[in-house]
Structures are given as structure tokens and as C-alpha cells.
PDB file of all heavy atoms in Angstrom:
ATOM      1  N   ALA A   1     -17.852  33.368  35.443  1.00  0.00           N
ATOM      2  CA  ALA A   1     -16.540  33.759  35.094  1.00  0.00           C
ATOM      3  C   ALA A   1     -16.309  33.755  33.561  1.00  0.00           C
ATOM      4  O   ALA A   1     -16.931  32.957  32.878  1.00  0.00           O
ATOM      5  CB  ALA A   1     -15.443  32.947  35.820  1.00  0.00           C
ATOM      6  N   ARG A   2     -15.379  34.638  33.118  1.00  0.00           N
ATOM      7  CA  ARG A   2     -15.060  34.721  31.707  1.00  0.00           C
ATOM      8  C   ARG A   2     -13.685  34.162  31.311  1.00  0.00           C
ATOM      9  O   ARG A   2     -12.714  34.491  31.929  1.00  0.00           O
ATOM     10  CB  ARG A   2     -15.140  36.236  31.389  1.00  0.00           C
ATOM     11  CG  ARG A   2     -15.138  36.584  29.933  1.00  0.00           C
ATOM     12  CD  ARG A   2     -15.213  38.148  29.769  1.00  0.00           C
ATOM     13  NE  ARG A   2     -14.962  38.508  28.333  1.00  0.00           N
ATOM     14  CZ  ARG A   2     -14.608  39.742  27.958  1.00  0.00           C
ATOM     15  NH1 ARG A   2     -14.409  40.651  28.871  1.00  0.00           N
ATOM     16  NH2 ARG A   2     -14.527  39.926  26.621  1.00  0.00           N
ATOM     17  N   ILE A   3     -13.693  33.369  30.203  1.00  0.00           N
ATOM     18  CA  ILE A   3     -12.460  32.785  29.764  1.00  0.00           C
ATOM     19  C   ILE A   3     -12.251  33.372  28.329  1.00  0.00           C
ATOM     20  O   ILE A   3     -13.108  33.262  27.446  1.00  0.00           O
ATOM     21  CB  ILE A   3     -12.605  31.255  29.632  1.00  0.00           C
ATOM     22  CG1 ILE A   3     -13.216  30.670  30.936  1.00  0.00           C
ATOM     23  CG2 ILE A   3     -11.328  30.628  29.185  1.00  0.00           C
ATOM     24  CD1 ILE A   3     -12.222  30.896  32.095  1.00  0.00           C
ATOM     25  N   VAL A   4     -11.104  33.997  28.211  1.00  0.00           N
ATOM     26  CA  VAL A   4     -10.691  34.685  26.911  1.00  0.00           C
ATOM     27  C   VAL A   4      -9.344  34.149  26.417  1.00  0.00           C
ATOM     28  O   VAL A   4      -8.324  34.224  27.041  1.00  0.00           O
ATOM     29  CB  VAL A   4     -10.577  36.208  27.214  1.00  0.00           C
ATOM     30  CG1 VAL A   4     -10.230  36.968  25.940  1.00  0.00           C
ATOM     31  CG2 VAL A   4     -11.880  36.730  27.868  1.00  0.00           C
ATOM     32  N   LEU A   5      -9.486  33.660  25.178  1.00  0.00           N
ATOM     33  CA  LEU A   5      -8.258  33.169  24.539  1.00  0.00           C
ATOM     34  C   LEU A   5      -7.936  34.111  23.345  1.00  0.00           C
ATOM     35  O   LEU A   5      -8.743  34.334  22.508  1.00  0.00           O
ATOM     36  CB  LEU A   5      -8.447  31.688  23.916  1.00  0.00           C
ATOM     37  CG  LEU A   5      -7.411  31.077  23.040  1.00  0.00           C
ATOM     38  CD1 LEU A   5      -6.050  30.956  23.861  1.00  0.00           C
ATOM     39  CD2 LEU A   5      -7.795  29.709  22.623  1.00  0.00           C
ATOM     40  N   LEU A   6      -6.790  34.623  23.358  1.00  0.00           N
ATOM     41  CA  LEU A   6      -6.333  35.508  22.341  1.00  0.00           C
ATOM     42  C   LEU A   6      -5.409  34.816  21.408  1.00  0.00           C
ATOM     43  O   LEU A   6      -4.358  34.128  21.842  1.00  0.00           O
ATOM     44  CB  LEU A   6      -5.475  36.691  23.025  1.00  0.00           C
ATOM     45  CG  LEU A   6      -6.183  37.349  24.069  1.00  0.00           C
ATOM     46  CD1 LEU A   6      -5.311  38.531  24.651  1.00  0.00           C
ATOM     47  CD2 LEU A   6      -7.531  37.993  23.675  1.00  0.00           C
ATOM     48  N   TYR A   7      -5.741  34.725  20.168  1.00  0.00           N
ATOM     49  CA  TYR A   7      -5.085  33.934  19.230  1.00  0.00           C
ATOM     50  C   TYR A   7      -4.531  34.662  18.048  1.00  0.00           C
ATOM     51  O   TYR A   7      -5.296  35.399  17.366  1.00  0.00           O
ATOM     52  CB  TYR A   7      -5.952  32.783  18.703  1.00  0.00           C
ATOM     53  CG  TYR A   7      -5.353  31.904  17.655  1.00  0.00           C
ATOM     54  CD1 TYR A   7      -4.283  31.129  17.870  1.00  0.00           C
ATOM     55  CD2 TYR A   7      -5.866  31.910  16.303  1.00  0.00           C
ATOM     56  CE1 TYR A   7      -3.489  30.358  16.937  1.00  0.00           C
ATOM     57  CE2 TYR A   7      -5.255  31.056  15.342  1.00  0.00           C
ATOM     58  CZ  TYR A   7      -4.148  30.244  15.634  1.00  0.00           C
ATOM     59  OH  TYR A   7      -3.423  29.517  14.661  1.00  0.00           O
ATOM     60  N   GLY A   8      -3.191  34.636  17.820  1.00  0.00           N
ATOM     61  CA  GLY A   8      -2.532  35.181  16.625  1.00  0.00           C
ATOM     62  C   GLY A   8      -2.028  34.219  15.724  1.00  0.00           C
ATOM     63  O   GLY A   8      -1.642  33.103  16.116  1.00  0.00           O
ATOM     64  N   PRO A   9      -1.839  34.562  14.420  1.00  0.00           N
ATOM     65  CA  PRO A   9      -1.317  33.609  13.478  1.00  0.00           C
ATOM     66  C   PRO A   9       0.022  33.001  13.896  1.00  0.00           C
ATOM     67  O   PRO A   9       0.336  31.850  13.420  1.00  0.00           O
ATOM     68  CB  PRO A   9      -1.237  34.426  12.253  1.00  0.00           C
ATOM     69  CG  PRO A   9      -2.181  35.544  12.428  1.00  0.00           C
ATOM     70  CD  PRO A   9      -2.169  35.931  13.783  1.00  0.00           C
ATOM     71  N   GLY A  10       0.877  33.670  14.585  1.00  0.00           N
ATOM     72  CA  GLY A  10       2.166  33.195  14.873  1.00  0.00           C
ATOM     73  C   GLY A  10       2.263  32.390  16.192  1.00  0.00           C
ATOM     74  O   GLY A  10       3.277  31.802  16.503  1.00  0.00           O
ATOM     75  N   ASP A  11       1.167  32.296  16.894  1.00  0.00           N
ATOM     76  CA  ASP A  11       1.218  31.581  18.195  1.00  0.00           C
ATOM     77  C   ASP A  11       1.523  30.093  18.122  1.00  0.00           C
ATOM     78  O   ASP A  11       2.213  29.600  19.031  1.00  0.00           O
ATOM     79  CB  ASP A  11      -0.177  31.821  18.868  1.00  0.00           C
ATOM     80  CG  ASP A  11      -0.484  33.208  19.358  1.00  0.00           C
ATOM     81  OD1 ASP A  11       0.328  33.957  19.094  1.00  0.00           O
ATOM     82  OD2 ASP A  11      -1.531  33.371  19.954  1.00  0.00           O
ATOM     83  N   ARG A  12       1.086  29.474  17.026  1.00  0.00           N
ATOM     84  CA  ARG A  12       1.346  28.043  16.824  1.00  0.00           C
ATOM     85  C   ARG A  12       2.840  27.771  16.843  1.00  0.00           C
ATOM     86  O   ARG A  12       3.295  26.768  17.401  1.00  0.00           O
ATOM     87  CB  ARG A  12       0.797  27.544  15.506  1.00  0.00           C
ATOM     88  CG  ARG A  12       0.902  26.170  15.277  1.00  0.00           C
ATOM     89  CD  ARG A  12       0.444  25.835  13.843  1.00  0.00           C
ATOM     90  NE  ARG A  12       0.440  24.416  13.628  1.00  0.00           N
ATOM     91  CZ  ARG A  12      -0.551  23.674  13.177  1.00  0.00           C
ATOM     92  NH1 ARG A  12      -1.751  24.210  12.892  1.00  0.00           N
ATOM     93  NH2 ARG A  12      -0.450  22.361  12.983  1.00  0.00           N
ATOM     94  N   LYS A  13       3.675  28.714  16.331  1.00  0.00           N
ATOM     95  CA  LYS A  13       5.184  28.463  16.257  1.00  0.00           C
ATOM     96  C   LYS A  13       5.764  28.327  17.551  1.00  0.00           C
ATOM     97  O   LYS A  13       6.692  27.501  17.704  1.00  0.00           O
ATOM     98  CB  LYS A  13       5.748  29.564  15.414  1.00  0.00           C
ATOM     99  CG  LYS A  13       5.373  29.606  13.992  1.00  0.00           C
ATOM    100  CD  LYS A  13       6.108  30.795  13.196  1.00  0.00           C
ATOM    101  CE  LYS A  13       5.703  30.844  11.827  1.00  0.00           C
ATOM    102  NZ  LYS A  13       6.388  32.019  11.034  1.00  0.00           N
ATOM    103  N   THR A  14       5.188  28.990  18.516  1.00  0.00           N
ATOM    104  CA  THR A  14       5.774  28.893  19.887  1.00  0.00           C
ATOM    105  C   THR A  14       5.657  27.437  20.463  1.00  0.00           C
ATOM    106  O   THR A  14       6.611  26.879  20.914  1.00  0.00           O
ATOM    107  CB  THR A  14       5.130  29.894  20.881  1.00  0.00           C
ATOM    108  OG1 THR A  14       5.353  31.231  20.381  1.00  0.00           O
ATOM    109  CG2 THR A  14       5.680  29.733  22.287  1.00  0.00           C
ATOM    110  N   GLN A  15       4.472  26.947  20.320  1.00  0.00           N
ATOM    111  CA  GLN A  15       4.133  25.577  20.808  1.00  0.00           C
ATOM    112  C   GLN A  15       4.886  24.560  20.017  1.00  0.00           C
ATOM    113  O   GLN A  15       5.388  23.489  20.583  1.00  0.00           O
ATOM    114  CB  GLN A  15       2.659  25.366  20.822  1.00  0.00           C
ATOM    115  CG  GLN A  15       1.823  26.153  21.809  1.00  0.00           C
ATOM    116  CD  GLN A  15       2.282  25.965  23.260  1.00  0.00           C
ATOM    117  OE1 GLN A  15       2.812  24.939  23.566  1.00  0.00           O
ATOM    118  NE2 GLN A  15       2.119  26.977  24.047  1.00  0.00           N
ATOM    119  N   GLU A  16       5.051  24.755  18.708  1.00  0.00           N
ATOM    120  CA  GLU A  16       5.828  23.815  17.825  1.00  0.00           C
ATOM    121  C   GLU A  16       7.317  23.895  18.397  1.00  0.00           C
ATOM    122  O   GLU A  16       7.932  22.748  18.368  1.00  0.00           O
ATOM    123  CB  GLU A  16       5.762  24.268  16.377  1.00  0.00           C
ATOM    124  CG  GLU A  16       4.401  23.941  15.748  1.00  0.00           C
ATOM    125  CD  GLU A  16       4.336  24.350  14.369  1.00  0.00           C
ATOM    126  OE1 GLU A  16       5.165  25.250  13.894  1.00  0.00           O
ATOM    127  OE2 GLU A  16       3.384  23.948  13.596  1.00  0.00           O
ATOM    128  N   PHE A  17       7.801  25.013  18.800  1.00  0.00           N
ATOM    129  CA  PHE A  17       9.141  25.015  19.306  1.00  0.00           C
ATOM    130  C   PHE A  17       9.236  24.175  20.486  1.00  0.00           C
ATOM    131  O   PHE A  17      10.264  23.466  20.766  1.00  0.00           O
ATOM    132  CB  PHE A  17       9.561  26.518  19.526  1.00  0.00           C
ATOM    133  CG  PHE A  17      10.757  26.671  20.302  1.00  0.00           C
ATOM    134  CD1 PHE A  17      12.080  26.522  19.648  1.00  0.00           C
ATOM    135  CD2 PHE A  17      10.809  26.929  21.683  1.00  0.00           C
ATOM    136  CE1 PHE A  17      13.274  26.678  20.337  1.00  0.00           C
ATOM    137  CE2 PHE A  17      12.110  27.151  22.402  1.00  0.00           C
ATOM    138  CZ  PHE A  17      13.230  26.891  21.638  1.00  0.00           C
ATOM    139  N   PHE A  18       8.226  24.396  21.429  1.00  0.00           N
ATOM    140  CA  PHE A  18       8.247  23.470  22.645  1.00  0.00           C
ATOM    141  C   PHE A  18       8.256  22.050  22.409  1.00  0.00           C
ATOM    142  O   PHE A  18       8.974  21.188  23.049  1.00  0.00           O
ATOM    143  CB  PHE A  18       7.087  23.874  23.667  1.00  0.00           C
ATOM    144  CG  PHE A  18       7.215  25.320  24.218  1.00  0.00           C
ATOM    145  CD1 PHE A  18       5.993  26.061  24.577  1.00  0.00           C
ATOM    146  CD2 PHE A  18       8.348  25.894  24.449  1.00  0.00           C
ATOM    147  CE1 PHE A  18       6.055  27.146  25.054  1.00  0.00           C
ATOM    148  CE2 PHE A  18       8.423  27.174  25.007  1.00  0.00           C
ATOM    149  CZ  PHE A  18       7.296  27.848  25.396  1.00  0.00           C
ATOM    150  N   ILE A  19       7.541  21.591  21.395  1.00  0.00           N
ATOM    151  CA  ILE A  19       7.445  20.214  21.029  1.00  0.00           C
ATOM    152  C   ILE A  19       8.800  19.680  20.542  1.00  0.00           C
ATOM    153  O   ILE A  19       9.319  18.675  20.982  1.00  0.00           O
ATOM    154  CB  ILE A  19       6.339  19.963  19.933  1.00  0.00           C
ATOM    155  CG1 ILE A  19       4.897  20.219  20.529  1.00  0.00           C
ATOM    156  CG2 ILE A  19       6.421  18.549  19.335  1.00  0.00           C
ATOM    157  CD1 ILE A  19       3.837  20.112  19.450  1.00  0.00           C
ATOM    158  N   GLN A  20       9.520  20.538  19.649  1.00  0.00           N
ATOM    159  CA  GLN A  20      10.737  20.168  19.278  1.00  0.00           C
ATOM    160  C   GLN A  20      11.778  20.085  20.349  1.00  0.00           C
ATOM    161  O   GLN A  20      12.662  19.203  20.354  1.00  0.00           O
ATOM    162  CB  GLN A  20      11.146  21.282  18.112  1.00  0.00           C
ATOM    163  CG  GLN A  20      10.388  21.227  16.867  1.00  0.00           C
ATOM    164  CD  GLN A  20      10.539  22.523  16.000  1.00  0.00           C
ATOM    165  OE1 GLN A  20      11.409  23.318  16.347  1.00  0.00           O
ATOM    166  NE2 GLN A  20       9.757  22.682  15.081  1.00  0.00           N
ATOM    167  N   MET A  21      11.722  21.014  21.204  1.00  0.00           N
ATOM    168  CA  MET A  21      12.637  21.018  22.400  1.00  0.00           C
ATOM    169  C   MET A  21      12.478  19.817  23.305  1.00  0.00           C
ATOM    170  O   MET A  21      13.325  19.248  23.840  1.00  0.00           O
ATOM    171  CB  MET A  21      12.583  22.322  23.225  1.00  0.00           C
ATOM    172  CG  MET A  21      13.162  23.570  22.526  1.00  0.00           C
ATOM    173  SD  MET A  21      15.059  23.379  22.251  1.00  0.00           S
ATOM    174  CE  MET A  21      15.071  22.915  20.516  1.00  0.00           C
ATOM    175  N   SER A  22      11.103  19.395  23.369  1.00  0.00           N
ATOM    176  CA  SER A  22      10.814  18.301  24.350  1.00  0.00           C
ATOM    177  C   SER A  22      11.052  16.967  23.578  1.00  0.00           C
ATOM    178  O   SER A  22      11.007  15.845  24.383  1.00  0.00           O
ATOM    179  CB  SER A  22       9.241  18.394  24.704  1.00  0.00           C
ATOM    180  OG  SER A  22       9.026  19.536  25.411  1.00  0.00           O
ATOM    181  N   HIS A  23      11.273  16.912  22.387  1.00  0.00           N
ATOM    182  CA  HIS A  23      11.535  15.589  21.735  1.00  0.00           C
ATOM    183  C   HIS A  23      12.821  15.836  20.869  1.00  0.00           C
ATOM    184  O   HIS A  23      12.722  15.924  19.642  1.00  0.00           O
ATOM    185  CB  HIS A  23      10.344  15.297  20.805  1.00  0.00           C
ATOM    186  CG  HIS A  23       9.083  15.074  21.579  1.00  0.00           C
ATOM    187  ND1 HIS A  23       8.348  16.152  22.030  1.00  0.00           N
ATOM    188  CD2 HIS A  23       8.548  13.932  21.934  1.00  0.00           C
ATOM    189  CE1 HIS A  23       7.256  15.634  22.717  1.00  0.00           C
ATOM    190  NE2 HIS A  23       7.312  14.274  22.678  1.00  0.00           N
ATOM    191  N   PRO A  24      13.889  15.830  21.481  1.00  0.00           N
ATOM    192  CA  PRO A  24      15.276  16.204  20.769  1.00  0.00           C
ATOM    193  C   PRO A  24      15.699  15.055  19.876  1.00  0.00           C
ATOM    194  O   PRO A  24      15.163  13.962  19.947  1.00  0.00           O
ATOM    195  CB  PRO A  24      16.248  16.375  21.918  1.00  0.00           C
ATOM    196  CG  PRO A  24      15.665  15.545  23.074  1.00  0.00           C
ATOM    197  CD  PRO A  24      14.127  15.668  22.933  1.00  0.00           C
ATOM    198  N   PRO A  25      16.529  15.298  18.859  1.00  0.00           N
ATOM    199  CA  PRO A  25      17.140  14.339  18.006  1.00  0.00           C
ATOM    200  C   PRO A  25      17.703  13.192  18.716  1.00  0.00           C
ATOM    201  O   PRO A  25      18.328  13.372  19.829  1.00  0.00           O
ATOM    202  CB  PRO A  25      18.084  15.080  17.158  1.00  0.00           C
ATOM    203  CG  PRO A  25      17.799  16.506  17.261  1.00  0.00           C
ATOM    204  CD  PRO A  25      17.180  16.671  18.633  1.00  0.00           C
ATOM    205  N   VAL A  26      17.539  11.964  18.231  1.00  0.00           N
ATOM    206  CA  VAL A  26      18.031  10.782  18.898  1.00  0.00           C
ATOM    207  C   VAL A  26      19.559  10.856  19.078  1.00  0.00           C
ATOM    208  O   VAL A  26      20.129  10.375  20.078  1.00  0.00           O
ATOM    209  CB  VAL A  26      17.631   9.474  18.121  1.00  0.00           C
ATOM    210  CG1 VAL A  26      18.307   8.289  18.727  1.00  0.00           C
ATOM    211  CG2 VAL A  26      16.085   9.389  18.213  1.00  0.00           C
ATOM    212  N   ASP A  27      20.225  11.384  18.025  1.00  0.00           N
ATOM    213  CA  ASP A  27      21.729  11.387  18.190  1.00  0.00           C
ATOM    214  C   ASP A  27      22.235  12.334  19.264  1.00  0.00           C
ATOM    215  O   ASP A  27      23.283  12.178  19.970  1.00  0.00           O
ATOM    216  CB  ASP A  27      22.322  11.767  16.727  1.00  0.00           C
ATOM    217  CG  ASP A  27      21.909  13.238  16.268  1.00  0.00           C
ATOM    218  OD1 ASP A  27      20.785  13.701  16.656  1.00  0.00           O
ATOM    219  OD2 ASP A  27      22.788  13.794  15.584  1.00  0.00           O
ATOM    220  N   LEU A  28      21.335  13.380  19.491  1.00  0.00           N
ATOM    221  CA  LEU A  28      21.747  14.249  20.684  1.00  0.00           C
ATOM    222  C   LEU A  28      21.482  13.536  21.967  1.00  0.00           C
ATOM    223  O   LEU A  28      22.364  13.614  22.917  1.00  0.00           O
ATOM    224  CB  LEU A  28      20.883  15.517  20.725  1.00  0.00           C
ATOM    225  CG  LEU A  28      21.015  16.417  21.891  1.00  0.00           C
ATOM    226  CD1 LEU A  28      22.470  16.996  22.074  1.00  0.00           C
ATOM    227  CD2 LEU A  28      20.082  17.708  21.770  1.00  0.00           C
ATOM    228  N   ILE A  29      20.419  12.768  22.125  1.00  0.00           N
ATOM    229  CA  ILE A  29      20.259  11.842  23.350  1.00  0.00           C
ATOM    230  C   ILE A  29      21.461  10.962  23.591  1.00  0.00           C
ATOM    231  O   ILE A  29      21.910  10.908  24.698  1.00  0.00           O
ATOM    232  CB  ILE A  29      18.946  11.142  23.189  1.00  0.00           C
ATOM    233  CG1 ILE A  29      17.728  12.079  23.011  1.00  0.00           C
ATOM    234  CG2 ILE A  29      18.821  10.236  24.398  1.00  0.00           C
ATOM    235  CD1 ILE A  29      16.402  11.307  22.725  1.00  0.00           C
ATOM    236  N   HIS A  30      21.936  10.359  22.445  1.00  0.00           N
ATOM    237  CA  HIS A  30      23.071   9.473  22.588  1.00  0.00           C
ATOM    238  C   HIS A  30      24.329  10.202  23.074  1.00  0.00           C
ATOM    239  O   HIS A  30      25.114   9.761  23.971  1.00  0.00           O
ATOM    240  CB  HIS A  30      23.330   8.702  21.332  1.00  0.00           C
ATOM    241  CG  HIS A  30      22.413   7.533  21.052  1.00  0.00           C
ATOM    242  ND1 HIS A  30      22.843   6.275  21.533  1.00  0.00           N
ATOM    243  CD2 HIS A  30      21.204   7.483  20.441  1.00  0.00           C
ATOM    244  CE1 HIS A  30      21.806   5.430  21.148  1.00  0.00           C
ATOM    245  NE2 HIS A  30      20.790   6.133  20.449  1.00  0.00           N
ATOM    246  N   GLN A  31      24.493  11.317  22.550  1.00  0.00           N
ATOM    247  CA  GLN A  31      25.676  12.112  22.833  1.00  0.00           C
ATOM    248  C   GLN A  31      25.621  12.631  24.193  1.00  0.00           C
ATOM    249  O   GLN A  31      26.791  12.603  24.965  1.00  0.00           O
ATOM    250  CB  GLN A  31      25.870  13.374  21.878  1.00  0.00           C
ATOM    251  CG  GLN A  31      26.350  12.957  20.434  1.00  0.00           C
ATOM    252  CD  GLN A  31      26.559  14.180  19.610  1.00  0.00           C
ATOM    253  OE1 GLN A  31      27.178  15.158  20.177  1.00  0.00           O
ATOM    254  NE2 GLN A  31      26.411  14.078  18.342  1.00  0.00           N
ATOM    255  N   VAL A  32      24.509  13.092  24.709  1.00  0.00           N
ATOM    256  CA  VAL A  32      24.374  13.542  26.158  1.00  0.00           C
ATOM    257  C   VAL A  32      24.687  12.380  27.068  1.00  0.00           C
ATOM    258  O   VAL A  32      25.459  12.463  28.095  1.00  0.00           O
ATOM    259  CB  VAL A  32      22.918  13.968  26.343  1.00  0.00           C
ATOM    260  CG1 VAL A  32      22.773  14.235  27.884  1.00  0.00           C
ATOM    261  CG2 VAL A  32      22.826  15.361  25.697  1.00  0.00           C
ATOM    262  N   TYR A  33      24.059  11.184  26.795  1.00  0.00           N
ATOM    263  CA  TYR A  33      24.390   9.945  27.704  1.00  0.00           C
ATOM    264  C   TYR A  33      25.803   9.573  27.610  1.00  0.00           C
ATOM    265  O   TYR A  33      26.374   9.299  28.748  1.00  0.00           O
ATOM    266  CB  TYR A  33      23.431   8.864  27.214  1.00  0.00           C
ATOM    267  CG  TYR A  33      23.595   7.634  28.139  1.00  0.00           C
ATOM    268  CD1 TYR A  33      22.897   7.604  29.317  1.00  0.00           C
ATOM    269  CD2 TYR A  33      24.353   6.523  27.733  1.00  0.00           C
ATOM    270  CE1 TYR A  33      22.995   6.599  30.267  1.00  0.00           C
ATOM    271  CE2 TYR A  33      24.392   5.424  28.609  1.00  0.00           C
ATOM    272  CZ  TYR A  33      23.849   5.470  29.828  1.00  0.00           C
ATOM    273  OH  TYR A  33      23.898   4.414  30.671  1.00  0.00           O
ATOM    274  N   GLN A  34      26.431   9.626  26.503  1.00  0.00           N
ATOM    275  CA  GLN A  34      27.893   9.239  26.424  1.00  0.00           C
ATOM    276  C   GLN A  34      28.681  10.235  27.130  1.00  0.00           C
ATOM    277  O   GLN A  34      29.642   9.804  27.902  1.00  0.00           O
ATOM    278  CB  GLN A  34      28.273   9.207  24.933  1.00  0.00           C
ATOM    279  CG  GLN A  34      29.728   8.739  24.698  1.00  0.00           C
ATOM    280  CD  GLN A  34      30.135   8.689  23.309  1.00  0.00           C
ATOM    281  OE1 GLN A  34      29.316   8.780  22.361  1.00  0.00           O
ATOM    282  NE2 GLN A  34      31.392   8.663  22.941  1.00  0.00           N
ATOM    283  N   HIS A  35      28.394  11.475  27.022  1.00  0.00           N
ATOM    284  CA  HIS A  35      29.178  12.496  27.596  1.00  0.00           C
ATOM    285  C   HIS A  35      29.025  12.457  29.150  1.00  0.00           C
ATOM    286  O   HIS A  35      30.070  12.429  29.978  1.00  0.00           O
ATOM    287  CB  HIS A  35      28.637  13.914  27.291  1.00  0.00           C
ATOM    288  CG  HIS A  35      29.341  15.074  28.026  1.00  0.00           C
ATOM    289  ND1 HIS A  35      30.645  15.364  27.976  1.00  0.00           N
ATOM    290  CD2 HIS A  35      28.787  15.976  28.933  1.00  0.00           C
ATOM    291  CE1 HIS A  35      31.030  16.339  28.780  1.00  0.00           C
ATOM    292  NE2 HIS A  35      29.836  16.697  29.449  1.00  0.00           N
ATOM    293  N   ILE A  36      27.890  12.125  29.826  1.00  0.00           N
ATOM    294  CA  ILE A  36      27.687  11.920  31.163  1.00  0.00           C
ATOM    295  C   ILE A  36      28.452  10.694  31.649  1.00  0.00           C
ATOM    296  O   ILE A  36      29.142  10.669  32.680  1.00  0.00           O
ATOM    297  CB  ILE A  36      26.196  11.864  31.528  1.00  0.00           C
ATOM    298  CG1 ILE A  36      25.462  13.189  31.270  1.00  0.00           C
ATOM    299  CG2 ILE A  36      25.992  11.504  32.994  1.00  0.00           C
ATOM    300  CD1 ILE A  36      24.056  13.169  31.446  1.00  0.00           C
ATOM    301  N   ASN A  37      28.383   9.631  30.891  1.00  0.00           N
ATOM    302  CA  ASN A  37      29.101   8.413  31.240  1.00  0.00           C
ATOM    303  C   ASN A  37      30.607   8.700  31.313  1.00  0.00           C
ATOM    304  O   ASN A  37      31.386   8.123  32.151  1.00  0.00           O
ATOM    305  CB  ASN A  37      28.787   7.344  30.222  1.00  0.00           C
ATOM    306  CG  ASN A  37      28.024   6.207  30.812  1.00  0.00           C
ATOM    307  OD1 ASN A  37      28.291   5.728  31.814  1.00  0.00           O
ATOM    308  ND2 ASN A  37      26.958   5.718  29.993  1.00  0.00           N
ATOM    309  N   GLU A  38      31.114   9.374  30.350  1.00  0.00           N
ATOM    310  CA  GLU A  38      32.583   9.626  30.231  1.00  0.00           C
ATOM    311  C   GLU A  38      33.153  10.494  31.335  1.00  0.00           C
ATOM    312  O   GLU A  38      34.292  10.631  31.496  1.00  0.00           O
ATOM    313  CB  GLU A  38      32.970  10.210  28.813  1.00  0.00           C
ATOM    314  CG  GLU A  38      32.666   9.062  27.779  1.00  0.00           C
ATOM    315  CD  GLU A  38      33.004   9.608  26.308  1.00  0.00           C
ATOM    316  OE1 GLU A  38      33.104  10.891  26.213  1.00  0.00           O
ATOM    317  OE2 GLU A  38      33.004   8.835  25.439  1.00  0.00           O
TER     318      GLU A  38
END
């Protein structure tokens, strides 16, 4: 079987965006928790 990875210079940015979204700012985490509590 053949495994083909297509790589372009901009591809990294997509994964960096996912990392940023998966690790949100701490102040946002606090605000979300406070909002749910309230």
C-alpha cells in the first residue's frame, strides 16, 4: 500500500491554530467557569 503526504509551506499554520484553540488563555478559562457558575 502507498502512503502519500502532501506538504505545503502554509500547512503548519493550520496545526498551530488547532494548538492555540486547544490551549486557550487562562483568563478565558476563568471567565467561562465564572459564567457557568453564575
